[in-house]
Amino acid sequence: MKVTNIQEVKDWLEEEIAENKPVIDGDTTAEVGTADIIFGRNELAQSLLDLINHSEAEKRKQSYLNRKE
């Protein structure tokens, strides 16, 4: 997977979260021995997505504040 921009990373993280949702929500069961992996991948994907979104929001805020000066 060649990543050319941050939106591609965000899209992939969102897909990872969506794919794991049925197991996380308990709507389906994981194969024996894979539940911990699925929960870990989901936690990592969600954490990275939150970090990226927070960073982008801070950049937008700073950009806005710089324009007002």
N, C-alpha and C. Protein backbone atom coordinates (compact mmCIF):
# COMPACT_ATOMS: atom_id res chain seq x y z
N MET A 1 0.85 -1.18 0.00
CA MET A 1 0.00 0.00 0.00
C MET A 1 0.89 1.23 0.00
N LYS A 2 0.83 2.00 -1.05
CA LYS A 2 1.58 3.24 -1.14
C LYS A 2 0.67 4.38 -0.67
N VAL A 3 1.12 5.10 0.35
CA VAL A 3 0.34 6.19 0.91
C VAL A 3 0.85 7.51 0.34
N THR A 4 -0.06 8.27 -0.24
CA THR A 4 0.35 9.54 -0.82
C THR A 4 -0.14 10.74 -0.03
N ASN A 5 -1.09 10.52 0.87
CA ASN A 5 -1.54 11.63 1.72
C ASN A 5 -2.20 11.10 2.99
N ILE A 6 -2.39 12.00 3.93
CA ILE A 6 -2.92 11.62 5.24
C ILE A 6 -4.36 11.12 5.13
N GLN A 7 -5.12 11.58 4.14
CA GLN A 7 -6.49 11.12 3.99
C GLN A 7 -6.54 9.63 3.69
N GLU A 8 -5.58 9.13 2.95
CA GLU A 8 -5.53 7.69 2.68
C GLU A 8 -5.30 6.90 3.97
N VAL A 9 -4.48 7.44 4.84
CA VAL A 9 -4.24 6.79 6.14
C VAL A 9 -5.53 6.80 6.95
N LYS A 10 -6.20 7.94 6.98
CA LYS A 10 -7.45 8.04 7.73
C LYS A 10 -8.50 7.08 7.16
N ASP A 11 -8.58 6.99 5.85
CA ASP A 11 -9.53 6.07 5.22
C ASP A 11 -9.24 4.63 5.63
N TRP A 12 -7.97 4.26 5.63
CA TRP A 12 -7.60 2.90 6.00
C TRP A 12 -7.93 2.64 7.46
N LEU A 13 -7.66 3.59 8.33
CA LEU A 13 -7.98 3.43 9.75
C LEU A 13 -9.48 3.28 9.96
N GLU A 14 -10.26 4.08 9.25
CA GLU A 14 -11.72 3.98 9.35
C GLU A 14 -12.22 2.62 8.85
N GLU A 15 -11.61 2.10 7.79
CA GLU A 15 -11.98 0.76 7.29
C GLU A 15 -11.64 -0.30 8.33
N GLU A 16 -10.49 -0.18 8.95
CA GLU A 16 -10.07 -1.14 9.98
C GLU A 16 -11.07 -1.14 11.13
N ILE A 17 -11.47 0.03 11.56
CA ILE A 17 -12.45 0.15 12.65
C ILE A 17 -13.78 -0.46 12.23
N ALA A 18 -14.23 -0.17 11.02
CA ALA A 18 -15.51 -0.70 10.54
C ALA A 18 -15.48 -2.22 10.43
N GLU A 19 -14.36 -2.76 9.94
CA GLU A 19 -14.24 -4.22 9.80
C GLU A 19 -14.25 -4.92 11.16
N ASN A 20 -13.72 -4.27 12.18
CA ASN A 20 -13.64 -4.88 13.51
C ASN A 20 -14.91 -4.67 14.33
N LYS A 21 -15.77 -3.75 13.91
CA LYS A 21 -16.95 -3.37 14.68
C LYS A 21 -17.84 -4.54 15.09
N PRO A 22 -18.15 -5.47 14.22
CA PRO A 22 -19.02 -6.58 14.65
C PRO A 22 -18.45 -7.39 15.81
N VAL A 23 -17.15 -7.59 15.82
CA VAL A 23 -16.53 -8.34 16.92
C VAL A 23 -16.48 -7.48 18.18
N ILE A 24 -16.11 -6.22 18.03
CA ILE A 24 -16.02 -5.31 19.16
C ILE A 24 -17.38 -5.14 19.83
N ASP A 25 -18.43 -5.01 19.02
CA ASP A 25 -19.79 -4.83 19.54
C ASP A 25 -20.42 -6.13 20.04
N GLY A 26 -19.77 -7.26 19.78
CA GLY A 26 -20.31 -8.54 20.22
C GLY A 26 -21.36 -9.12 19.30
N ASP A 27 -21.49 -8.54 18.11
CA ASP A 27 -22.49 -9.04 17.16
C ASP A 27 -22.04 -10.34 16.49
N THR A 28 -20.75 -10.59 16.49
CA THR A 28 -20.20 -11.82 15.93
C THR A 28 -19.00 -12.23 16.79
N THR A 29 -18.61 -13.46 16.68
CA THR A 29 -17.47 -13.92 17.46
C THR A 29 -16.26 -14.09 16.55
N ALA A 30 -15.12 -13.91 17.13
CA ALA A 30 -13.87 -14.06 16.39
C ALA A 30 -13.43 -15.52 16.46
N GLU A 31 -12.57 -15.89 15.52
CA GLU A 31 -12.01 -17.23 15.57
C GLU A 31 -11.18 -17.37 16.84
N VAL A 32 -11.05 -18.58 17.31
CA VAL A 32 -10.29 -18.84 18.53
C VAL A 32 -8.89 -18.27 18.39
N GLY A 33 -8.49 -17.48 19.39
CA GLY A 33 -7.15 -16.93 19.41
C GLY A 33 -6.97 -15.61 18.68
N THR A 34 -8.05 -15.09 18.06
CA THR A 34 -7.89 -13.85 17.30
C THR A 34 -8.58 -12.65 17.95
N ALA A 35 -9.38 -12.87 18.96
CA ALA A 35 -10.13 -11.76 19.57
C ALA A 35 -9.19 -10.68 20.11
N ASP A 36 -8.14 -11.09 20.81
CA ASP A 36 -7.21 -10.10 21.36
C ASP A 36 -6.53 -9.30 20.26
N ILE A 37 -6.22 -9.96 19.16
CA ILE A 37 -5.61 -9.26 18.02
C ILE A 37 -6.58 -8.24 17.45
N ILE A 38 -7.83 -8.63 17.27
CA ILE A 38 -8.84 -7.73 16.72
C ILE A 38 -9.05 -6.54 17.65
N PHE A 39 -9.17 -6.79 18.95
CA PHE A 39 -9.35 -5.70 19.90
C PHE A 39 -8.15 -4.76 19.89
N GLY A 40 -6.94 -5.32 19.81
CA GLY A 40 -5.73 -4.50 19.77
C GLY A 40 -5.63 -3.67 18.51
N ARG A 41 -5.93 -4.28 17.37
CA ARG A 41 -5.89 -3.54 16.10
C ARG A 41 -6.93 -2.41 16.11
N ASN A 42 -8.10 -2.70 16.66
CA ASN A 42 -9.14 -1.68 16.73
C ASN A 42 -8.72 -0.53 17.64
N GLU A 43 -8.17 -0.87 18.78
CA GLU A 43 -7.72 0.17 19.72
C GLU A 43 -6.63 1.04 19.10
N LEU A 44 -5.70 0.42 18.41
CA LEU A 44 -4.63 1.17 17.76
C LEU A 44 -5.18 2.06 16.64
N ALA A 45 -6.05 1.51 15.82
CA ALA A 45 -6.63 2.28 14.71
C ALA A 45 -7.41 3.47 15.24
N GLN A 46 -8.21 3.25 16.28
CA GLN A 46 -9.01 4.34 16.85
C GLN A 46 -8.10 5.40 17.47
N SER A 47 -7.06 4.97 18.17
CA SER A 47 -6.14 5.92 18.80
C SER A 47 -5.40 6.75 17.77
N LEU A 48 -4.93 6.13 16.71
CA LEU A 48 -4.23 6.86 15.65
C LEU A 48 -5.17 7.84 14.94
N LEU A 49 -6.38 7.40 14.67
CA LEU A 49 -7.36 8.28 14.01
C LEU A 49 -7.67 9.48 14.91
N ASP A 50 -7.85 9.24 16.19
CA ASP A 50 -8.10 10.34 17.13
C ASP A 50 -6.92 11.31 17.17
N LEU A 51 -5.72 10.77 17.17
CA LEU A 51 -4.51 11.61 17.20
C LEU A 51 -4.41 12.47 15.94
N ILE A 52 -4.65 11.87 14.79
CA ILE A 52 -4.60 12.61 13.52
C ILE A 52 -5.66 13.70 13.51
N ASN A 53 -6.89 13.35 13.91
CA ASN A 53 -7.98 14.33 13.91
C ASN A 53 -7.69 15.49 14.86
N HIS A 54 -7.15 15.18 16.03
CA HIS A 54 -6.79 16.21 17.00
C HIS A 54 -5.70 17.13 16.44
N SER A 55 -4.69 16.54 15.82
CA SER A 55 -3.61 17.31 15.23
C SER A 55 -4.12 18.22 14.13
N GLU A 56 -5.00 17.70 13.29
CA GLU A 56 -5.57 18.52 12.21
C GLU A 56 -6.40 19.67 12.78
N ALA A 57 -7.16 19.40 13.83
CA ALA A 57 -7.97 20.45 14.45
C ALA A 57 -7.09 21.54 15.04
N GLU A 58 -5.99 21.13 15.67
CA GLU A 58 -5.07 22.11 16.24
C GLU A 58 -4.42 22.96 15.15
N LYS A 59 -4.09 22.35 14.03
CA LYS A 59 -3.50 23.10 12.91
C LYS A 59 -4.49 24.09 12.35
N ARG A 60 -5.76 23.68 12.20
CA ARG A 60 -6.79 24.60 11.71
C ARG A 60 -6.99 25.75 12.68
N LYS A 61 -7.00 25.45 13.96
CA LYS A 61 -7.16 26.48 14.98
C LYS A 61 -6.00 27.47 14.92
N GLN A 62 -4.79 26.97 14.83
CA GLN A 62 -3.61 27.83 14.77
C GLN A 62 -3.62 28.68 13.50
N SER A 63 -4.01 28.09 12.40
CA SER A 63 -4.10 28.82 11.15
C SER A 63 -5.12 29.96 11.26
N TYR A 64 -6.25 29.67 11.87
CA TYR A 64 -7.28 30.69 12.07
C TYR A 64 -6.76 31.82 12.95
N LEU A 65 -6.09 31.47 14.04
CA LEU A 65 -5.56 32.47 14.96
C LEU A 65 -4.49 33.32 14.29
N ASN A 66 -3.68 32.70 13.45
CA ASN A 66 -2.63 33.45 12.75
C ASN A 66 -3.22 34.45 11.77
N ARG A 67 -4.35 34.13 11.16
CA ARG A 67 -4.99 35.04 10.21
C ARG A 67 -5.57 36.26 10.92
N LYS A 68 -5.99 36.08 12.18
CA LYS A 68 -6.61 37.16 12.92
C LYS A 68 -5.58 38.17 13.42
N GLU A 69 -4.31 37.82 13.44
CA GLU A 69 -3.26 38.71 13.95
C GLU A 69 -2.92 39.80 12.99
